[in-house]
Amino acid sequence: MSDLYGGTGVKFMHDLREFTCPALFVQFKWRLKHHDYTLGELRLLLSKDQNLVDIKNYLEQQAMNYQVIDLKKEEVCLEIMDV
């Protein structure tokens, strides 16, 4: 996990920038299943170059609330609010 510092303190993100499909989707599903939601939203650090189509389609099919947040440089944060 890596840290993202914001106005309200430290928020933890899982760094998935090193993965490509299909390993990216497998890692996404594993993090989704094993995240402790009592700690808050699931946040995944991704590269803008990664293909998120399969992940977005899955989240929409499961009717999960999520947002993609542009970060500095070539990074995005995929934030999943509920499961």
N, C-alpha and C. Protein backbone atom coordinates (compact mmCIF):
# COMPACT_ATOMS: atom_id res chain seq x y z
N MET A 1 0.84 -1.17 0.00
CA MET A 1 0.00 0.00 0.00
C MET A 1 0.88 1.24 0.00
N SER A 2 0.40 2.26 -0.63
CA SER A 2 1.10 3.54 -0.60
C SER A 2 0.20 4.57 0.06
N ASP A 3 0.79 5.67 0.48
CA ASP A 3 0.04 6.72 1.16
C ASP A 3 -0.29 7.85 0.21
N LEU A 4 -1.47 8.39 0.36
CA LEU A 4 -1.86 9.60 -0.35
C LEU A 4 -2.25 10.61 0.72
N TYR A 5 -1.60 11.72 0.73
CA TYR A 5 -1.86 12.72 1.76
C TYR A 5 -2.89 13.71 1.25
N GLY A 6 -3.91 13.95 2.04
CA GLY A 6 -4.96 14.90 1.68
C GLY A 6 -5.22 15.84 2.83
N GLY A 7 -6.23 16.65 2.68
CA GLY A 7 -6.57 17.64 3.68
C GLY A 7 -7.04 17.03 4.99
N THR A 8 -7.59 15.83 4.96
CA THR A 8 -8.12 15.23 6.17
C THR A 8 -7.18 14.20 6.76
N GLY A 9 -5.97 14.10 6.27
CA GLY A 9 -5.01 13.15 6.81
C GLY A 9 -4.57 12.15 5.78
N VAL A 10 -4.02 11.05 6.24
CA VAL A 10 -3.49 10.03 5.36
C VAL A 10 -4.60 9.10 4.92
N LYS A 11 -4.66 8.87 3.63
CA LYS A 11 -5.60 7.91 3.07
C LYS A 11 -4.75 6.84 2.39
N PHE A 12 -5.09 5.59 2.59
CA PHE A 12 -4.29 4.51 2.02
C PHE A 12 -4.85 4.10 0.67
N MET A 13 -3.92 3.80 -0.25
CA MET A 13 -4.29 3.33 -1.57
C MET A 13 -3.47 2.10 -1.90
N HIS A 14 -4.09 1.19 -2.61
CA HIS A 14 -3.39 0.02 -3.12
C HIS A 14 -2.80 0.40 -4.48
N ASP A 15 -1.52 0.19 -4.63
CA ASP A 15 -0.80 0.56 -5.85
C ASP A 15 -0.87 -0.58 -6.86
N LEU A 16 -1.64 -0.38 -7.93
CA LEU A 16 -1.78 -1.40 -8.98
C LEU A 16 -1.15 -0.95 -10.30
N ARG A 17 -0.27 0.03 -10.25
CA ARG A 17 0.31 0.58 -11.48
C ARG A 17 1.18 -0.41 -12.23
N GLU A 18 1.71 -1.41 -11.56
CA GLU A 18 2.63 -2.35 -12.22
C GLU A 18 1.91 -3.42 -13.03
N PHE A 19 0.61 -3.54 -12.88
CA PHE A 19 -0.13 -4.65 -13.50
C PHE A 19 -0.74 -4.26 -14.85
N THR A 20 -0.82 -5.25 -15.73
CA THR A 20 -1.53 -5.10 -17.00
C THR A 20 -2.58 -6.20 -17.06
N CYS A 21 -3.53 -6.05 -17.98
CA CYS A 21 -4.57 -7.07 -18.12
C CYS A 21 -3.94 -8.38 -18.57
N PRO A 22 -4.39 -9.51 -18.10
CA PRO A 22 -5.52 -9.77 -17.21
C PRO A 22 -5.16 -9.70 -15.72
N ALA A 23 -3.87 -9.58 -15.39
CA ALA A 23 -3.46 -9.54 -13.98
C ALA A 23 -4.04 -8.32 -13.26
N LEU A 24 -4.24 -7.22 -13.97
CA LEU A 24 -4.82 -6.02 -13.36
C LEU A 24 -6.23 -6.32 -12.86
N PHE A 25 -7.04 -6.99 -13.69
CA PHE A 25 -8.41 -7.30 -13.29
C PHE A 25 -8.43 -8.29 -12.13
N VAL A 26 -7.53 -9.24 -12.13
CA VAL A 26 -7.44 -10.21 -11.04
C VAL A 26 -7.07 -9.50 -9.73
N GLN A 27 -6.10 -8.61 -9.77
CA GLN A 27 -5.71 -7.85 -8.58
C GLN A 27 -6.85 -6.95 -8.10
N PHE A 28 -7.54 -6.33 -9.03
CA PHE A 28 -8.69 -5.50 -8.69
C PHE A 28 -9.75 -6.31 -7.95
N LYS A 29 -10.10 -7.48 -8.48
CA LYS A 29 -11.12 -8.32 -7.85
C LYS A 29 -10.65 -8.81 -6.48
N TRP A 30 -9.38 -9.14 -6.34
CA TRP A 30 -8.86 -9.60 -5.05
C TRP A 30 -8.96 -8.48 -4.02
N ARG A 31 -8.55 -7.27 -4.40
CA ARG A 31 -8.62 -6.12 -3.48
C ARG A 31 -10.07 -5.81 -3.12
N LEU A 32 -10.96 -5.91 -4.07
CA LEU A 32 -12.38 -5.65 -3.85
C LEU A 32 -12.95 -6.63 -2.83
N LYS A 33 -12.56 -7.88 -2.95
CA LYS A 33 -13.08 -8.92 -2.07
C LYS A 33 -12.49 -8.83 -0.66
N HIS A 34 -11.23 -8.47 -0.54
CA HIS A 34 -10.53 -8.53 0.74
C HIS A 34 -10.39 -7.19 1.47
N HIS A 35 -10.92 -6.12 0.91
CA HIS A 35 -10.80 -4.81 1.55
C HIS A 35 -11.66 -4.73 2.81
N ASP A 36 -11.11 -4.13 3.85
CA ASP A 36 -11.85 -3.91 5.10
C ASP A 36 -12.59 -2.59 4.98
N TYR A 37 -13.88 -2.66 4.66
CA TYR A 37 -14.66 -1.45 4.40
C TYR A 37 -14.96 -0.65 5.65
N THR A 38 -14.62 -1.18 6.84
CA THR A 38 -14.75 -0.37 8.05
C THR A 38 -13.70 0.74 8.06
N LEU A 39 -12.66 0.59 7.23
CA LEU A 39 -11.62 1.61 7.10
C LEU A 39 -12.00 2.70 6.10
N GLY A 40 -13.11 2.51 5.40
CA GLY A 40 -13.54 3.50 4.41
C GLY A 40 -13.51 2.93 3.01
N GLU A 41 -13.53 3.83 2.05
CA GLU A 41 -13.58 3.44 0.64
C GLU A 41 -12.32 2.68 0.23
N LEU A 42 -12.48 1.87 -0.80
CA LEU A 42 -11.34 1.19 -1.42
C LEU A 42 -10.75 2.15 -2.44
N ARG A 43 -9.46 2.40 -2.33
CA ARG A 43 -8.78 3.30 -3.26
C ARG A 43 -7.65 2.55 -3.95
N LEU A 44 -7.65 2.63 -5.27
CA LEU A 44 -6.64 1.95 -6.07
C LEU A 44 -5.87 2.99 -6.88
N LEU A 45 -4.56 2.95 -6.78
CA LEU A 45 -3.69 3.85 -7.54
C LEU A 45 -3.37 3.17 -8.86
N LEU A 46 -3.68 3.86 -9.96
CA LEU A 46 -3.50 3.31 -11.29
C LEU A 46 -2.81 4.33 -12.19
N SER A 47 -2.29 3.84 -13.29
CA SER A 47 -1.70 4.70 -14.30
C SER A 47 -2.76 5.04 -15.33
N LYS A 48 -2.67 6.24 -15.90
CA LYS A 48 -3.62 6.63 -16.95
C LYS A 48 -3.47 5.76 -18.19
N ASP A 49 -2.33 5.09 -18.32
CA ASP A 49 -2.09 4.22 -19.47
C ASP A 49 -2.78 2.87 -19.36
N GLN A 50 -3.20 2.50 -18.16
CA GLN A 50 -3.83 1.20 -17.97
C GLN A 50 -5.26 1.23 -18.51
N ASN A 51 -5.67 0.10 -19.07
CA ASN A 51 -7.01 -0.03 -19.62
C ASN A 51 -7.98 -0.39 -18.49
N LEU A 52 -8.90 0.52 -18.19
CA LEU A 52 -9.85 0.32 -17.09
C LEU A 52 -11.23 -0.09 -17.57
N VAL A 53 -11.38 -0.39 -18.84
CA VAL A 53 -12.70 -0.70 -19.40
C VAL A 53 -13.35 -1.89 -18.70
N ASP A 54 -12.62 -2.98 -18.54
CA ASP A 54 -13.18 -4.17 -17.89
C ASP A 54 -13.57 -3.89 -16.44
N ILE A 55 -12.74 -3.14 -15.74
CA ILE A 55 -13.01 -2.81 -14.34
C ILE A 55 -14.25 -1.93 -14.24
N LYS A 56 -14.35 -0.90 -15.09
CA LYS A 56 -15.52 -0.03 -15.07
C LYS A 56 -16.79 -0.80 -15.43
N ASN A 57 -16.70 -1.66 -16.43
CA ASN A 57 -17.86 -2.47 -16.81
C ASN A 57 -18.32 -3.35 -15.65
N TYR A 58 -17.38 -3.96 -14.96
CA TYR A 58 -17.72 -4.81 -13.82
C TYR A 58 -18.42 -4.00 -12.73
N LEU A 59 -17.86 -2.84 -12.39
CA LEU A 59 -18.44 -2.01 -11.34
C LEU A 59 -19.85 -1.55 -11.71
N GLU A 60 -20.05 -1.21 -12.98
CA GLU A 60 -21.38 -0.79 -13.43
C GLU A 60 -22.37 -1.94 -13.42
N GLN A 61 -21.94 -3.13 -13.84
CA GLN A 61 -22.82 -4.30 -13.81
C GLN A 61 -23.21 -4.67 -12.39
N GLN A 62 -22.32 -4.44 -11.44
CA GLN A 62 -22.60 -4.74 -10.04
C GLN A 62 -23.28 -3.58 -9.32
N ALA A 63 -23.56 -2.50 -10.03
CA ALA A 63 -24.22 -1.30 -9.50
C ALA A 63 -23.46 -0.73 -8.29
N MET A 64 -22.14 -0.68 -8.41
CA MET A 64 -21.30 -0.12 -7.35
C MET A 64 -21.00 1.35 -7.65
N ASN A 65 -20.99 2.16 -6.61
CA ASN A 65 -20.64 3.57 -6.76
C ASN A 65 -19.12 3.70 -6.78
N TYR A 66 -18.62 4.39 -7.80
CA TYR A 66 -17.18 4.60 -7.91
C TYR A 66 -16.92 5.92 -8.62
N GLN A 67 -15.70 6.38 -8.50
CA GLN A 67 -15.26 7.54 -9.26
C GLN A 67 -13.79 7.40 -9.59
N VAL A 68 -13.41 7.99 -10.71
CA VAL A 68 -12.01 8.02 -11.13
C VAL A 68 -11.53 9.45 -10.92
N ILE A 69 -10.49 9.59 -10.12
CA ILE A 69 -9.97 10.91 -9.74
C ILE A 69 -8.60 11.09 -10.39
N ASP A 70 -8.44 12.16 -11.16
CA ASP A 70 -7.13 12.47 -11.75
C ASP A 70 -6.19 12.97 -10.67
N LEU A 71 -5.02 12.37 -10.63
CA LEU A 71 -3.98 12.79 -9.70
C LEU A 71 -2.87 13.46 -10.48
N LYS A 72 -1.75 13.68 -9.85
CA LYS A 72 -0.62 14.31 -10.52
C LYS A 72 -0.07 13.42 -11.62
N LYS A 73 0.52 14.05 -12.60
CA LYS A 73 1.20 13.39 -13.70
C LYS A 73 0.31 12.39 -14.40
N GLU A 74 0.73 11.15 -14.46
CA GLU A 74 0.03 10.12 -15.23
C GLU A 74 -0.72 9.13 -14.35
N GLU A 75 -1.20 9.58 -13.20
CA GLU A 75 -1.85 8.67 -12.25
C GLU A 75 -3.32 9.03 -12.05
N VAL A 76 -4.10 8.00 -11.74
CA VAL A 76 -5.50 8.19 -11.36
C VAL A 76 -5.77 7.35 -10.12
N CYS A 77 -6.79 7.75 -9.39
CA CYS A 77 -7.25 6.98 -8.24
C CYS A 77 -8.64 6.48 -8.56
N LEU A 78 -8.83 5.19 -8.48
CA LEU A 78 -10.16 4.59 -8.61
C LEU A 78 -10.68 4.41 -7.19
N GLU A 79 -11.75 5.11 -6.87
CA GLU A 79 -12.31 5.07 -5.52
C GLU A 79 -13.67 4.38 -5.58
N ILE A 80 -13.80 3.30 -4.81
CA ILE A 80 -15.04 2.53 -4.77
C ILE A 80 -15.69 2.79 -3.42
N MET A 81 -16.90 3.37 -3.47
CA MET A 81 -17.54 3.83 -2.25
C MET A 81 -18.28 2.75 -1.49
N ASP A 82 -18.85 1.79 -2.16
CA ASP A 82 -19.64 0.77 -1.47
C ASP A 82 -19.56 -0.55 -2.21
N VAL A 83 -19.94 -1.58 -1.48
CA VAL A 83 -19.95 -2.94 -2.06
C VAL A 83 -21.29 -3.56 -1.80
